[in-house]
Amino acid sequence: VDWNGVSTLPKMLNWTNSFDCWNGGRIDI
């Protein structure tokens, strides 16, 4: 979620993958 209007989507540095889910894992942005 936002914090004081600042984007809180994580900054990914040097990652092969960003998000990995299974069995109904949920990502809300």
mmCIF file of all heavy atoms, coordinates in Angstrom:
data_MODEL
# 
_entry.id   MODEL 
# 
loop_
_atom_site.group_PDB 
_atom_site.id 
_atom_site.type_symbol 
_atom_site.label_atom_id 
_atom_site.label_alt_id 
_atom_site.label_comp_id 
_atom_site.label_asym_id 
_atom_site.label_entity_id 
_atom_site.label_seq_id 
_atom_site.pdbx_PDB_ins_code 
_atom_site.Cartn_x 
_atom_site.Cartn_y 
_atom_site.Cartn_z 
_atom_site.occupancy 
_atom_site.B_iso_or_equiv 
_atom_site.pdbx_formal_charge 
_atom_site.auth_seq_id 
_atom_site.auth_comp_id 
_atom_site.auth_asym_id 
_atom_site.auth_atom_id 
_atom_site.pdbx_PDB_model_num 
ATOM 1   N N   . VAL A 1 1  ? 0.834  -1.204  0.000   1.00 0.00 ? 1  VAL A N   1 
ATOM 2   C CA  . VAL A 1 1  ? 0.000  0.000   0.000   1.00 0.00 ? 1  VAL A CA  1 
ATOM 3   C C   . VAL A 1 1  ? 0.863  1.247   0.000   1.00 0.00 ? 1  VAL A C   1 
ATOM 4   O O   . VAL A 1 1  ? 2.065  1.208   0.284   1.00 0.00 ? 1  VAL A O   1 
ATOM 5   C CB  . VAL A 1 1  ? -0.942 0.027   1.227   1.00 0.00 ? 1  VAL A CB  1 
ATOM 6   C CG1 . VAL A 1 1  ? -1.866 -1.170  1.226   1.00 0.00 ? 1  VAL A CG1 1 
ATOM 7   C CG2 . VAL A 1 1  ? -0.138 0.074   2.524   1.00 0.00 ? 1  VAL A CG2 1 
ATOM 8   N N   . ASP A 1 2  ? 0.213  2.384   -0.316  1.00 0.00 ? 2  ASP A N   1 
ATOM 9   C CA  . ASP A 1 2  ? 0.905  3.670   -0.268  1.00 0.00 ? 2  ASP A CA  1 
ATOM 10  C C   . ASP A 1 2  ? 1.186  4.078   1.171   1.00 0.00 ? 2  ASP A C   1 
ATOM 11  O O   . ASP A 1 2  ? 0.463  3.713   2.090   1.00 0.00 ? 2  ASP A O   1 
ATOM 12  C CB  . ASP A 1 2  ? 0.032  4.757   -0.896  1.00 0.00 ? 2  ASP A CB  1 
ATOM 13  C CG  . ASP A 1 2  ? 0.197  4.810   -2.399  1.00 0.00 ? 2  ASP A CG  1 
ATOM 14  O OD1 . ASP A 1 2  ? 1.047  4.076   -2.916  1.00 0.00 ? 2  ASP A OD1 1 
ATOM 15  O OD2 . ASP A 1 2  ? -0.538 5.566   -3.040  1.00 0.00 ? 2  ASP A OD2 1 
ATOM 16  N N   . TRP A 1 3  ? 2.240  4.868   1.341   1.00 0.00 ? 3  TRP A N   1 
ATOM 17  C CA  . TRP A 1 3  ? 2.508  5.492   2.629   1.00 0.00 ? 3  TRP A CA  1 
ATOM 18  C C   . TRP A 1 3  ? 2.779  6.964   2.355   1.00 0.00 ? 3  TRP A C   1 
ATOM 19  O O   . TRP A 1 3  ? 3.759  7.321   1.734   1.00 0.00 ? 3  TRP A O   1 
ATOM 20  C CB  . TRP A 1 3  ? 3.710  4.846   3.306   1.00 0.00 ? 3  TRP A CB  1 
ATOM 21  C CG  . TRP A 1 3  ? 4.010  5.451   4.643   1.00 0.00 ? 3  TRP A CG  1 
ATOM 22  C CD1 . TRP A 1 3  ? 4.888  6.474   4.897   1.00 0.00 ? 3  TRP A CD1 1 
ATOM 23  C CD2 . TRP A 1 3  ? 3.414  5.126   5.886   1.00 0.00 ? 3  TRP A CD2 1 
ATOM 24  N NE1 . TRP A 1 3  ? 4.874  6.785   6.222   1.00 0.00 ? 3  TRP A NE1 1 
ATOM 25  C CE2 . TRP A 1 3  ? 3.988  5.984   6.867   1.00 0.00 ? 3  TRP A CE2 1 
ATOM 26  C CE3 . TRP A 1 3  ? 2.461  4.204   6.290   1.00 0.00 ? 3  TRP A CE3 1 
ATOM 27  C CZ2 . TRP A 1 3  ? 3.622  5.920   8.199   1.00 0.00 ? 3  TRP A CZ2 1 
ATOM 28  C CZ3 . TRP A 1 3  ? 2.106  4.152   7.618   1.00 0.00 ? 3  TRP A CZ3 1 
ATOM 29  C CH2 . TRP A 1 3  ? 2.680  5.000   8.557   1.00 0.00 ? 3  TRP A CH2 1 
ATOM 30  N N   . ASN A 1 4  ? 1.879  7.822   2.795   1.00 0.00 ? 4  ASN A N   1 
ATOM 31  C CA  . ASN A 1 4  ? 2.006  9.259   2.543   1.00 0.00 ? 4  ASN A CA  1 
ATOM 32  C C   . ASN A 1 4  ? 2.207  9.567   1.066   1.00 0.00 ? 4  ASN A C   1 
ATOM 33  O O   . ASN A 1 4  ? 2.992  10.437  0.682   1.00 0.00 ? 4  ASN A O   1 
ATOM 34  C CB  . ASN A 1 4  ? 3.171  9.849   3.354   1.00 0.00 ? 4  ASN A CB  1 
ATOM 35  C CG  . ASN A 1 4  ? 2.907  9.798   4.843   1.00 0.00 ? 4  ASN A CG  1 
ATOM 36  O OD1 . ASN A 1 4  ? 1.760  9.802   5.270   1.00 0.00 ? 4  ASN A OD1 1 
ATOM 37  N ND2 . ASN A 1 4  ? 3.972  9.750   5.641   1.00 0.00 ? 4  ASN A ND2 1 
ATOM 38  N N   . GLY A 1 5  ? 1.478  8.809   0.227   1.00 0.00 ? 5  GLY A N   1 
ATOM 39  C CA  . GLY A 1 5  ? 1.524  9.081   -1.196  1.00 0.00 ? 5  GLY A CA  1 
ATOM 40  C C   . GLY A 1 5  ? 2.747  8.563   -1.913  1.00 0.00 ? 5  GLY A C   1 
ATOM 41  O O   . GLY A 1 5  ? 2.927  8.809   -3.106  1.00 0.00 ? 5  GLY A O   1 
ATOM 42  N N   . VAL A 1 6  ? 3.614  7.847   -1.220  1.00 0.00 ? 6  VAL A N   1 
ATOM 43  C CA  . VAL A 1 6  ? 4.821  7.311   -1.843  1.00 0.00 ? 6  VAL A CA  1 
ATOM 44  C C   . VAL A 1 6  ? 4.577  5.864   -2.253  1.00 0.00 ? 6  VAL A C   1 
ATOM 45  O O   . VAL A 1 6  ? 4.029  5.079   -1.493  1.00 0.00 ? 6  VAL A O   1 
ATOM 46  C CB  . VAL A 1 6  ? 6.015  7.377   -0.870  1.00 0.00 ? 6  VAL A CB  1 
ATOM 47  C CG1 . VAL A 1 6  ? 7.267  6.787   -1.507  1.00 0.00 ? 6  VAL A CG1 1 
ATOM 48  C CG2 . VAL A 1 6  ? 6.259  8.817   -0.466  1.00 0.00 ? 6  VAL A CG2 1 
ATOM 49  N N   . SER A 1 7  ? 4.979  5.504   -3.461  1.00 0.00 ? 7  SER A N   1 
ATOM 50  C CA  . SER A 1 7  ? 4.782  4.143   -3.924  1.00 0.00 ? 7  SER A CA  1 
ATOM 51  C C   . SER A 1 7  ? 5.510  3.157   -3.020  1.00 0.00 ? 7  SER A C   1 
ATOM 52  O O   . SER A 1 7  ? 6.674  3.356   -2.695  1.00 0.00 ? 7  SER A O   1 
ATOM 53  C CB  . SER A 1 7  ? 5.299  3.998   -5.348  1.00 0.00 ? 7  SER A CB  1 
ATOM 54  O OG  . SER A 1 7  ? 5.309  2.633   -5.720  1.00 0.00 ? 7  SER A OG  1 
ATOM 55  N N   . THR A 1 8  ? 4.813  2.104   -2.625  1.00 0.00 ? 8  THR A N   1 
ATOM 56  C CA  . THR A 1 8  ? 5.440  1.111   -1.765  1.00 0.00 ? 8  THR A CA  1 
ATOM 57  C C   . THR A 1 8  ? 5.659  -0.208  -2.464  1.00 0.00 ? 8  THR A C   1 
ATOM 58  O O   . THR A 1 8  ? 5.981  -1.190  -1.829  1.00 0.00 ? 8  THR A O   1 
ATOM 59  C CB  . THR A 1 8  ? 4.579  0.861   -0.508  1.00 0.00 ? 8  THR A CB  1 
ATOM 60  O OG1 . THR A 1 8  ? 3.310  0.377   -0.936  1.00 0.00 ? 8  THR A OG1 1 
ATOM 61  C CG2 . THR A 1 8  ? 4.414  2.123   0.283   1.00 0.00 ? 8  THR A CG2 1 
ATOM 62  N N   . LEU A 1 9  ? 5.430  -0.241  -3.783  1.00 0.00 ? 9  LEU A N   1 
ATOM 63  C CA  . LEU A 1 9  ? 5.803  -1.459  -4.480  1.00 0.00 ? 9  LEU A CA  1 
ATOM 64  C C   . LEU A 1 9  ? 7.283  -1.668  -4.263  1.00 0.00 ? 9  LEU A C   1 
ATOM 65  O O   . LEU A 1 9  ? 8.089  -0.762  -4.451  1.00 0.00 ? 9  LEU A O   1 
ATOM 66  C CB  . LEU A 1 9  ? 5.507  -1.346  -5.980  1.00 0.00 ? 9  LEU A CB  1 
ATOM 67  C CG  . LEU A 1 9  ? 5.674  -2.649  -6.767  1.00 0.00 ? 9  LEU A CG  1 
ATOM 68  C CD1 . LEU A 1 9  ? 4.639  -3.670  -6.323  1.00 0.00 ? 9  LEU A CD1 1 
ATOM 69  C CD2 . LEU A 1 9  ? 5.579  -2.403  -8.252  1.00 0.00 ? 9  LEU A CD2 1 
ATOM 70  N N   . PRO A 1 10 ? 7.691  -2.859  -3.805  1.00 0.00 ? 10 PRO A N   1 
ATOM 71  C CA  . PRO A 1 10 ? 9.090  -3.034  -3.402  1.00 0.00 ? 10 PRO A CA  1 
ATOM 72  C C   . PRO A 1 10 ? 10.064 -2.774  -4.534  1.00 0.00 ? 10 PRO A C   1 
ATOM 73  O O   . PRO A 1 10 ? 9.814  -3.104  -5.686  1.00 0.00 ? 10 PRO A O   1 
ATOM 74  C CB  . PRO A 1 10 ? 9.141  -4.500  -2.946  1.00 0.00 ? 10 PRO A CB  1 
ATOM 75  C CG  . PRO A 1 10 ? 7.982  -5.143  -3.623  1.00 0.00 ? 10 PRO A CG  1 
ATOM 76  C CD  . PRO A 1 10 ? 6.916  -4.106  -3.684  1.00 0.00 ? 10 PRO A CD  1 
ATOM 77  N N   . LYS A 1 11 ? 11.146 -2.159  -4.175  1.00 0.00 ? 11 LYS A N   1 
ATOM 78  C CA  . LYS A 1 11 ? 12.226 -1.964  -5.133  1.00 0.00 ? 11 LYS A CA  1 
ATOM 79  C C   . LYS A 1 11 ? 13.027 -3.257  -5.212  1.00 0.00 ? 11 LYS A C   1 
ATOM 80  O O   . LYS A 1 11 ? 13.596 -3.701  -4.228  1.00 0.00 ? 11 LYS A O   1 
ATOM 81  C CB  . LYS A 1 11 ? 13.121 -0.809  -4.676  1.00 0.00 ? 11 LYS A CB  1 
ATOM 82  C CG  . LYS A 1 11 ? 12.393 0.520   -4.548  1.00 0.00 ? 11 LYS A CG  1 
ATOM 83  C CD  . LYS A 1 11 ? 13.320 1.572   -3.972  1.00 0.00 ? 11 LYS A CD  1 
ATOM 84  C CE  . LYS A 1 11 ? 12.587 2.885   -3.776  1.00 0.00 ? 11 LYS A CE  1 
ATOM 85  N NZ  . LYS A 1 11 ? 13.463 3.911   -3.164  1.00 0.00 ? 11 LYS A NZ  1 
ATOM 86  N N   . MET A 1 12 ? 13.044 -3.850  -6.369  1.00 0.00 ? 12 MET A N   1 
ATOM 87  C CA  . MET A 1 12 ? 13.745 -5.115  -6.535  1.00 0.00 ? 12 MET A CA  1 
ATOM 88  C C   . MET A 1 12 ? 15.128 -4.843  -7.119  1.00 0.00 ? 12 MET A C   1 
ATOM 89  O O   . MET A 1 12 ? 15.256 -4.246  -8.185  1.00 0.00 ? 12 MET A O   1 
ATOM 90  C CB  . MET A 1 12 ? 12.970 -6.046  -7.479  1.00 0.00 ? 12 MET A CB  1 
ATOM 91  C CG  . MET A 1 12 ? 11.527 -6.270  -7.079  1.00 0.00 ? 12 MET A CG  1 
ATOM 92  S SD  . MET A 1 12 ? 11.406 -7.134  -5.509  1.00 0.00 ? 12 MET A SD  1 
ATOM 93  C CE  . MET A 1 12 ? 9.633  -7.349  -5.406  1.00 0.00 ? 12 MET A CE  1 
ATOM 94  N N   . LEU A 1 13 ? 16.151 -5.266  -6.426  1.00 0.00 ? 13 LEU A N   1 
ATOM 95  C CA  . LEU A 1 13 ? 17.515 -5.032  -6.876  1.00 0.00 ? 13 LEU A CA  1 
ATOM 96  C C   . LEU A 1 13 ? 18.198 -6.368  -7.152  1.00 0.00 ? 13 LEU A C   1 
ATOM 97  O O   . LEU A 1 13 ? 18.356 -7.194  -6.260  1.00 0.00 ? 13 LEU A O   1 
ATOM 98  C CB  . LEU A 1 13 ? 18.302 -4.263  -5.808  1.00 0.00 ? 13 LEU A CB  1 
ATOM 99  C CG  . LEU A 1 13 ? 17.688 -2.945  -5.337  1.00 0.00 ? 13 LEU A CG  1 
ATOM 100 C CD1 . LEU A 1 13 ? 18.544 -2.345  -4.232  1.00 0.00 ? 13 LEU A CD1 1 
ATOM 101 C CD2 . LEU A 1 13 ? 17.527 -1.981  -6.490  1.00 0.00 ? 13 LEU A CD2 1 
ATOM 102 N N   . ASN A 1 14 ? 18.601 -6.571  -8.409  1.00 0.00 ? 14 ASN A N   1 
ATOM 103 C CA  . ASN A 1 14 ? 19.374 -7.756  -8.800  1.00 0.00 ? 14 ASN A CA  1 
ATOM 104 C C   . ASN A 1 14 ? 18.619 -9.061  -8.559  1.00 0.00 ? 14 ASN A C   1 
ATOM 105 O O   . ASN A 1 14 ? 19.214 -10.064 -8.157  1.00 0.00 ? 14 ASN A O   1 
ATOM 106 C CB  . ASN A 1 14 ? 20.710 -7.789  -8.035  1.00 0.00 ? 14 ASN A CB  1 
ATOM 107 C CG  . ASN A 1 14 ? 21.528 -6.545  -8.267  1.00 0.00 ? 14 ASN A CG  1 
ATOM 108 O OD1 . ASN A 1 14 ? 21.603 -6.045  -9.385  1.00 0.00 ? 14 ASN A OD1 1 
ATOM 109 N ND2 . ASN A 1 14 ? 22.136 -6.030  -7.212  1.00 0.00 ? 14 ASN A ND2 1 
ATOM 110 N N   . TRP A 1 15 ? 17.322 -9.057  -8.802  1.00 0.00 ? 15 TRP A N   1 
ATOM 111 C CA  . TRP A 1 15 ? 16.539 -10.268 -8.570  1.00 0.00 ? 15 TRP A CA  1 
ATOM 112 C C   . TRP A 1 15 ? 16.289 -11.007 -9.874  1.00 0.00 ? 15 TRP A C   1 
ATOM 113 O O   . TRP A 1 15 ? 16.006 -10.406 -10.898 1.00 0.00 ? 15 TRP A O   1 
ATOM 114 C CB  . TRP A 1 15 ? 15.193 -9.909  -7.941  1.00 0.00 ? 15 TRP A CB  1 
ATOM 115 C CG  . TRP A 1 15 ? 15.323 -9.533  -6.512  1.00 0.00 ? 15 TRP A CG  1 
ATOM 116 C CD1 . TRP A 1 15 ? 16.340 -8.863  -5.908  1.00 0.00 ? 15 TRP A CD1 1 
ATOM 117 C CD2 . TRP A 1 15 ? 14.386 -9.820  -5.486  1.00 0.00 ? 15 TRP A CD2 1 
ATOM 118 N NE1 . TRP A 1 15 ? 16.108 -8.709  -4.574  1.00 0.00 ? 15 TRP A NE1 1 
ATOM 119 C CE2 . TRP A 1 15 ? 14.913 -9.279  -4.285  1.00 0.00 ? 15 TRP A CE2 1 
ATOM 120 C CE3 . TRP A 1 15 ? 13.163 -10.468 -5.453  1.00 0.00 ? 15 TRP A CE3 1 
ATOM 121 C CZ2 . TRP A 1 15 ? 14.247 -9.375  -3.087  1.00 0.00 ? 15 TRP A CZ2 1 
ATOM 122 C CZ3 . TRP A 1 15 ? 12.502 -10.553 -4.249  1.00 0.00 ? 15 TRP A CZ3 1 
ATOM 123 C CH2 . TRP A 1 15 ? 13.042 -10.016 -3.079  1.00 0.00 ? 15 TRP A CH2 1 
ATOM 124 N N   . THR A 1 16 ? 16.364 -12.343 -9.822  1.00 0.00 ? 16 THR A N   1 
ATOM 125 C CA  . THR A 1 16 ? 16.018 -13.156 -10.973 1.00 0.00 ? 16 THR A CA  1 
ATOM 126 C C   . THR A 1 16 ? 14.511 -13.117 -11.207 1.00 0.00 ? 16 THR A C   1 
ATOM 127 O O   . THR A 1 16 ? 14.039 -12.949 -12.331 1.00 0.00 ? 16 THR A O   1 
ATOM 128 C CB  . THR A 1 16 ? 16.476 -14.612 -10.756 1.00 0.00 ? 16 THR A CB  1 
ATOM 129 O OG1 . THR A 1 16 ? 17.874 -14.612 -10.501 1.00 0.00 ? 16 THR A OG1 1 
ATOM 130 C CG2 . THR A 1 16 ? 16.171 -15.455 -11.977 1.00 0.00 ? 16 THR A CG2 1 
ATOM 131 N N   . ASN A 1 17 ? 13.729 -13.300 -10.150 1.00 0.00 ? 17 ASN A N   1 
ATOM 132 C CA  . ASN A 1 17 ? 12.272 -13.207 -10.220 1.00 0.00 ? 17 ASN A CA  1 
ATOM 133 C C   . ASN A 1 17 ? 11.805 -12.202 -9.177  1.00 0.00 ? 17 ASN A C   1 
ATOM 134 O O   . ASN A 1 17 ? 12.482 -11.952 -8.187  1.00 0.00 ? 17 ASN A O   1 
ATOM 135 C CB  . ASN A 1 17 ? 11.620 -14.564 -9.936  1.00 0.00 ? 17 ASN A CB  1 
ATOM 136 C CG  . ASN A 1 17 ? 12.034 -15.617 -10.943 1.00 0.00 ? 17 ASN A CG  1 
ATOM 137 O OD1 . ASN A 1 17 ? 11.961 -15.402 -12.140 1.00 0.00 ? 17 ASN A OD1 1 
ATOM 138 N ND2 . ASN A 1 17 ? 12.490 -16.753 -10.442 1.00 0.00 ? 17 ASN A ND2 1 
ATOM 139 N N   . SER A 1 18 ? 10.618 -11.652 -9.383  1.00 0.00 ? 18 SER A N   1 
ATOM 140 C CA  . SER A 1 18 ? 10.084 -10.702 -8.427  1.00 0.00 ? 18 SER A CA  1 
ATOM 141 C C   . SER A 1 18 ? 9.159  -11.371 -7.431  1.00 0.00 ? 18 SER A C   1 
ATOM 142 O O   . SER A 1 18 ? 9.380  -11.325 -6.231  1.00 0.00 ? 18 SER A O   1 
ATOM 143 C CB  . SER A 1 18 ? 9.347  -9.576  -9.156  1.00 0.00 ? 18 SER A CB  1 
ATOM 144 O OG  . SER A 1 18 ? 10.234 -8.863  -9.984  1.00 0.00 ? 18 SER A OG  1 
ATOM 145 N N   . PHE A 1 19 ? 8.080  -12.002 -7.920  1.00 0.00 ? 19 PHE A N   1 
ATOM 146 C CA  . PHE A 1 19 ? 7.091  -12.649 -7.061  1.00 0.00 ? 19 PHE A CA  1 
ATOM 147 C C   . PHE A 1 19 ? 6.867  -14.080 -7.520  1.00 0.00 ? 19 PHE A C   1 
ATOM 148 O O   . PHE A 1 19 ? 6.802  -14.356 -8.717  1.00 0.00 ? 19 PHE A O   1 
ATOM 149 C CB  . PHE A 1 19 ? 5.765  -11.894 -7.094  1.00 0.00 ? 19 PHE A CB  1 
ATOM 150 C CG  . PHE A 1 19 ? 5.853  -10.481 -6.612  1.00 0.00 ? 19 PHE A CG  1 
ATOM 151 C CD1 . PHE A 1 19 ? 6.054  -9.435  -7.500  1.00 0.00 ? 19 PHE A CD1 1 
ATOM 152 C CD2 . PHE A 1 19 ? 5.742  -10.185 -5.265  1.00 0.00 ? 19 PHE A CD2 1 
ATOM 153 C CE1 . PHE A 1 19 ? 6.136  -8.131  -7.057  1.00 0.00 ? 19 PHE A CE1 1 
ATOM 154 C CE2 . PHE A 1 19 ? 5.823  -8.892  -4.807  1.00 0.00 ? 19 PHE A CE2 1 
ATOM 155 C CZ  . PHE A 1 19 ? 6.022  -7.850  -5.709  1.00 0.00 ? 19 PHE A CZ  1 
ATOM 156 N N   . ASP A 1 20 ? 6.719  -14.975 -6.571  1.00 0.00 ? 20 ASP A N   1 
ATOM 157 C CA  . ASP A 1 20 ? 6.498  -16.387 -6.873  1.00 0.00 ? 20 ASP A CA  1 
ATOM 158 C C   . ASP A 1 20 ? 5.404  -16.886 -5.934  1.00 0.00 ? 20 ASP A C   1 
ATOM 159 O O   . ASP A 1 20 ? 5.543  -16.764 -4.709  1.00 0.00 ? 20 ASP A O   1 
ATOM 160 C CB  . ASP A 1 20 ? 7.805  -17.167 -6.659  1.00 0.00 ? 20 ASP A CB  1 
ATOM 161 C CG  . ASP A 1 20 ? 7.686  -18.602 -7.132  1.00 0.00 ? 20 ASP A CG  1 
ATOM 162 O OD1 . ASP A 1 20 ? 6.650  -18.961 -7.720  1.00 0.00 ? 20 ASP A OD1 1 
ATOM 163 O OD2 . ASP A 1 20 ? 8.643  -19.370 -6.903  1.00 0.00 ? 20 ASP A OD2 1 
ATOM 164 N N   . CYS A 1 21 ? 4.316  -17.423 -6.489  1.00 0.00 ? 21 CYS A N   1 
ATOM 165 C CA  . CYS A 1 21 ? 3.176  -17.837 -5.678  1.00 0.00 ? 21 CYS A CA  1 
ATOM 166 C C   . CYS A 1 21 ? 2.774  -19.267 -6.025  1.00 0.00 ? 21 CYS A C   1 
ATOM 167 O O   . CYS A 1 21 ? 3.035  -19.764 -7.125  1.00 0.00 ? 21 CYS A O   1 
ATOM 168 C CB  . CYS A 1 21 ? 1.967  -16.921 -5.917  1.00 0.00 ? 21 CYS A CB  1 
ATOM 169 S SG  . CYS A 1 21 ? 2.285  -15.167 -5.710  1.00 0.00 ? 21 CYS A SG  1 
ATOM 170 N N   . TRP A 1 22 ? 2.088  -19.916 -5.078  1.00 0.00 ? 22 TRP A N   1 
ATOM 171 C CA  . TRP A 1 22 ? 1.520  -21.242 -5.323  1.00 0.00 ? 22 TRP A CA  1 
ATOM 172 C C   . TRP A 1 22 ? 0.324  -21.462 -4.401  1.00 0.00 ? 22 TRP A C   1 
ATOM 173 O O   . TRP A 1 22 ? 0.190  -20.825 -3.361  1.00 0.00 ? 22 TRP A O   1 
ATOM 174 C CB  . TRP A 1 22 ? 2.571  -22.343 -5.127  1.00 0.00 ? 22 TRP A CB  1 
ATOM 175 C CG  . TRP A 1 22 ? 3.191  -22.409 -3.767  1.00 0.00 ? 22 TRP A CG  1 
ATOM 176 C CD1 . TRP A 1 22 ? 2.778  -23.134 -2.700  1.00 0.00 ? 22 TRP A CD1 1 
ATOM 177 C CD2 . TRP A 1 22 ? 4.352  -21.693 -3.325  1.00 0.00 ? 22 TRP A CD2 1 
ATOM 178 N NE1 . TRP A 1 22 ? 3.596  -22.938 -1.612  1.00 0.00 ? 22 TRP A NE1 1 
ATOM 179 C CE2 . TRP A 1 22 ? 4.585  -22.056 -1.966  1.00 0.00 ? 22 TRP A CE2 1 
ATOM 180 C CE3 . TRP A 1 22 ? 5.223  -20.786 -3.933  1.00 0.00 ? 22 TRP A CE3 1 
ATOM 181 C CZ2 . TRP A 1 22 ? 5.626  -21.547 -1.226  1.00 0.00 ? 22 TRP A CZ2 1 
ATOM 182 C CZ3 . TRP A 1 22 ? 6.261  -20.283 -3.182  1.00 0.00 ? 22 TRP A CZ3 1 
ATOM 183 C CH2 . TRP A 1 22 ? 6.465  -20.665 -1.853  1.00 0.00 ? 22 TRP A CH2 1 
ATOM 184 N N   . ASN A 1 23 ? -0.540 -22.376 -4.832  1.00 0.00 ? 23 ASN A N   1 
ATOM 185 C CA  . ASN A 1 23 ? -1.727 -22.764 -4.053  1.00 0.00 ? 23 ASN A CA  1 
ATOM 186 C C   . ASN A 1 23 ? -2.526 -21.558 -3.566  1.00 0.00 ? 23 ASN A C   1 
ATOM 187 O O   . ASN A 1 23 ? -2.889 -21.445 -2.401  1.00 0.00 ? 23 ASN A O   1 
ATOM 188 C CB  . ASN A 1 23 ? -1.332 -23.629 -2.846  1.00 0.00 ? 23 ASN A CB  1 
ATOM 189 C CG  . ASN A 1 23 ? -0.813 -24.990 -3.251  1.00 0.00 ? 23 ASN A CG  1 
ATOM 190 O OD1 . ASN A 1 23 ? -1.022 -25.429 -4.378  1.00 0.00 ? 23 ASN A OD1 1 
ATOM 191 N ND2 . ASN A 1 23 ? -0.124 -25.659 -2.344  1.00 0.00 ? 23 ASN A ND2 1 
ATOM 192 N N   . GLY A 1 24 ? -2.818 -20.649 -4.501  1.00 0.00 ? 24 GLY A N   1 
ATOM 193 C CA  . GLY A 1 24 ? -3.680 -19.524 -4.174  1.00 0.00 ? 24 GLY A CA  1 
ATOM 194 C C   . GLY A 1 24 ? -2.994 -18.347 -3.526  1.00 0.00 ? 24 GLY A C   1 
ATOM 195 O O   . GLY A 1 24 ? -3.676 -17.452 -3.005  1.00 0.00 ? 24 GLY A O   1 
ATOM 196 N N   . GLY A 1 25 ? -1.679 -18.321 -3.528  1.00 0.00 ? 25 GLY A N   1 
ATOM 197 C CA  . GLY A 1 25 ? -0.977 -17.160 -2.981  1.00 0.00 ? 25 GLY A CA  1 
ATOM 198 C C   . GLY A 1 25 ? -1.390 -15.891 -3.708  1.00 0.00 ? 25 GLY A C   1 
ATOM 199 O O   . GLY A 1 25 ? -1.508 -15.874 -4.934  1.00 0.00 ? 25 GLY A O   1 
ATOM 200 N N   . ARG A 1 26 ? -1.612 -14.817 -2.961  1.00 0.00 ? 26 ARG A N   1 
ATOM 201 C CA  . ARG A 1 26 ? -2.219 -13.609 -3.512  1.00 0.00 ? 26 ARG A CA  1 
ATOM 202 C C   . ARG A 1 26 ? -1.309 -12.398 -3.303  1.00 0.00 ? 26 ARG A C   1 
ATOM 203 O O   . ARG A 1 26 ? -0.734 -12.211 -2.230  1.00 0.00 ? 26 ARG A O   1 
ATOM 204 C CB  . ARG A 1 26 ? -3.564 -13.362 -2.813  1.00 0.00 ? 26 ARG A CB  1 
ATOM 205 C CG  . ARG A 1 26 ? -4.324 -12.128 -3.244  1.00 0.00 ? 26 ARG A CG  1 
ATOM 206 C CD  . ARG A 1 26 ? -5.564 -11.961 -2.369  1.00 0.00 ? 26 ARG A CD  1 
ATOM 207 N NE  . ARG A 1 26 ? -6.298 -10.755 -2.698  1.00 0.00 ? 26 ARG A NE  1 
ATOM 208 C CZ  . ARG A 1 26 ? -7.368 -10.726 -3.482  1.00 0.00 ? 26 ARG A CZ  1 
ATOM 209 N NH1 . ARG A 1 26 ? -7.842 -11.850 -4.003  1.00 0.00 ? 26 ARG A NH1 1 
ATOM 210 N NH2 . ARG A 1 26 ? -7.999 -9.587  -3.730  1.00 0.00 ? 26 ARG A NH2 1 
ATOM 211 N N   . ILE A 1 27 ? -1.191 -11.584 -4.352  1.00 0.00 ? 27 ILE A N   1 
ATOM 212 C CA  . ILE A 1 27 ? -0.446 -10.339 -4.292  1.00 0.00 ? 27 ILE A CA  1 
ATOM 213 C C   . ILE A 1 27 ? -1.407 -9.198  -4.584  1.00 0.00 ? 27 ILE A C   1 
ATOM 214 O O   . ILE A 1 27 ? -2.010 -9.132  -5.664  1.00 0.00 ? 27 ILE A O   1 
ATOM 215 C CB  . ILE A 1 27 ? 0.712  -10.314 -5.316  1.00 0.00 ? 27 ILE A CB  1 
ATOM 216 C CG1 . ILE A 1 27 ? 1.656  -11.505 -5.119  1.00 0.00 ? 27 ILE A CG1 1 
ATOM 217 C CG2 . ILE A 1 27 ? 1.451  -8.994  -5.234  1.00 0.00 ? 27 ILE A CG2 1 
ATOM 218 C CD1 . ILE A 1 27 ? 2.441  -11.474 -3.848  1.00 0.00 ? 27 ILE A CD1 1 
ATOM 219 N N   . ASP A 1 28 ? -1.587 -8.278  -3.639  1.00 0.00 ? 28 ASP A N   1 
ATOM 220 C CA  . ASP A 1 28 ? -2.405 -7.084  -3.831  1.00 0.00 ? 28 ASP A CA  1 
ATOM 221 C C   . ASP A 1 28 ? -1.487 -5.872  -3.845  1.00 0.00 ? 28 ASP A C   1 
ATOM 222 O O   . ASP A 1 28 ? -0.690 -5.684  -2.908  1.00 0.00 ? 28 ASP A O   1 
ATOM 223 C CB  . ASP A 1 28 ? -3.415 -6.907  -2.698  1.00 0.00 ? 28 ASP A CB  1 
ATOM 224 C CG  . ASP A 1 28 ? -4.476 -8.004  -2.679  1.00 0.00 ? 28 ASP A CG  1 
ATOM 225 O OD1 . ASP A 1 28 ? -4.597 -8.708  -3.692  1.00 0.00 ? 28 ASP A OD1 1 
ATOM 226 O OD2 . ASP A 1 28 ? -5.146 -8.146  -1.651  1.00 0.00 ? 28 ASP A OD2 1 
ATOM 227 N N   . ILE A 1 29 ? -1.599 -5.060  -4.882  1.00 0.00 ? 29 ILE A N   1 
ATOM 228 C CA  . ILE A 1 29 ? -0.787 -3.854  -4.972  1.00 0.00 ? 29 ILE A CA  1 
ATOM 229 C C   . ILE A 1 29 ? -1.724 -2.661  -5.096  1.00 0.00 ? 29 ILE A C   1 
ATOM 230 O O   . ILE A 1 29 ? -2.473 -2.543  -6.055  1.00 0.00 ? 29 ILE A O   1 
ATOM 231 C CB  . ILE A 1 29 ? 0.192  -3.915  -6.155  1.00 0.00 ? 29 ILE A CB  1 
ATOM 232 C CG1 . ILE A 1 29 ? 1.178  -5.068  -5.953  1.00 0.00 ? 29 ILE A CG1 1 
ATOM 233 C CG2 . ILE A 1 29 ? 0.928  -2.593  -6.291  1.00 0.00 ? 29 ILE A CG2 1 
ATOM 234 C CD1 . ILE A 1 29 ? 2.148  -5.254  -7.078  1.00 0.00 ? 29 ILE A CD1 1 
# 
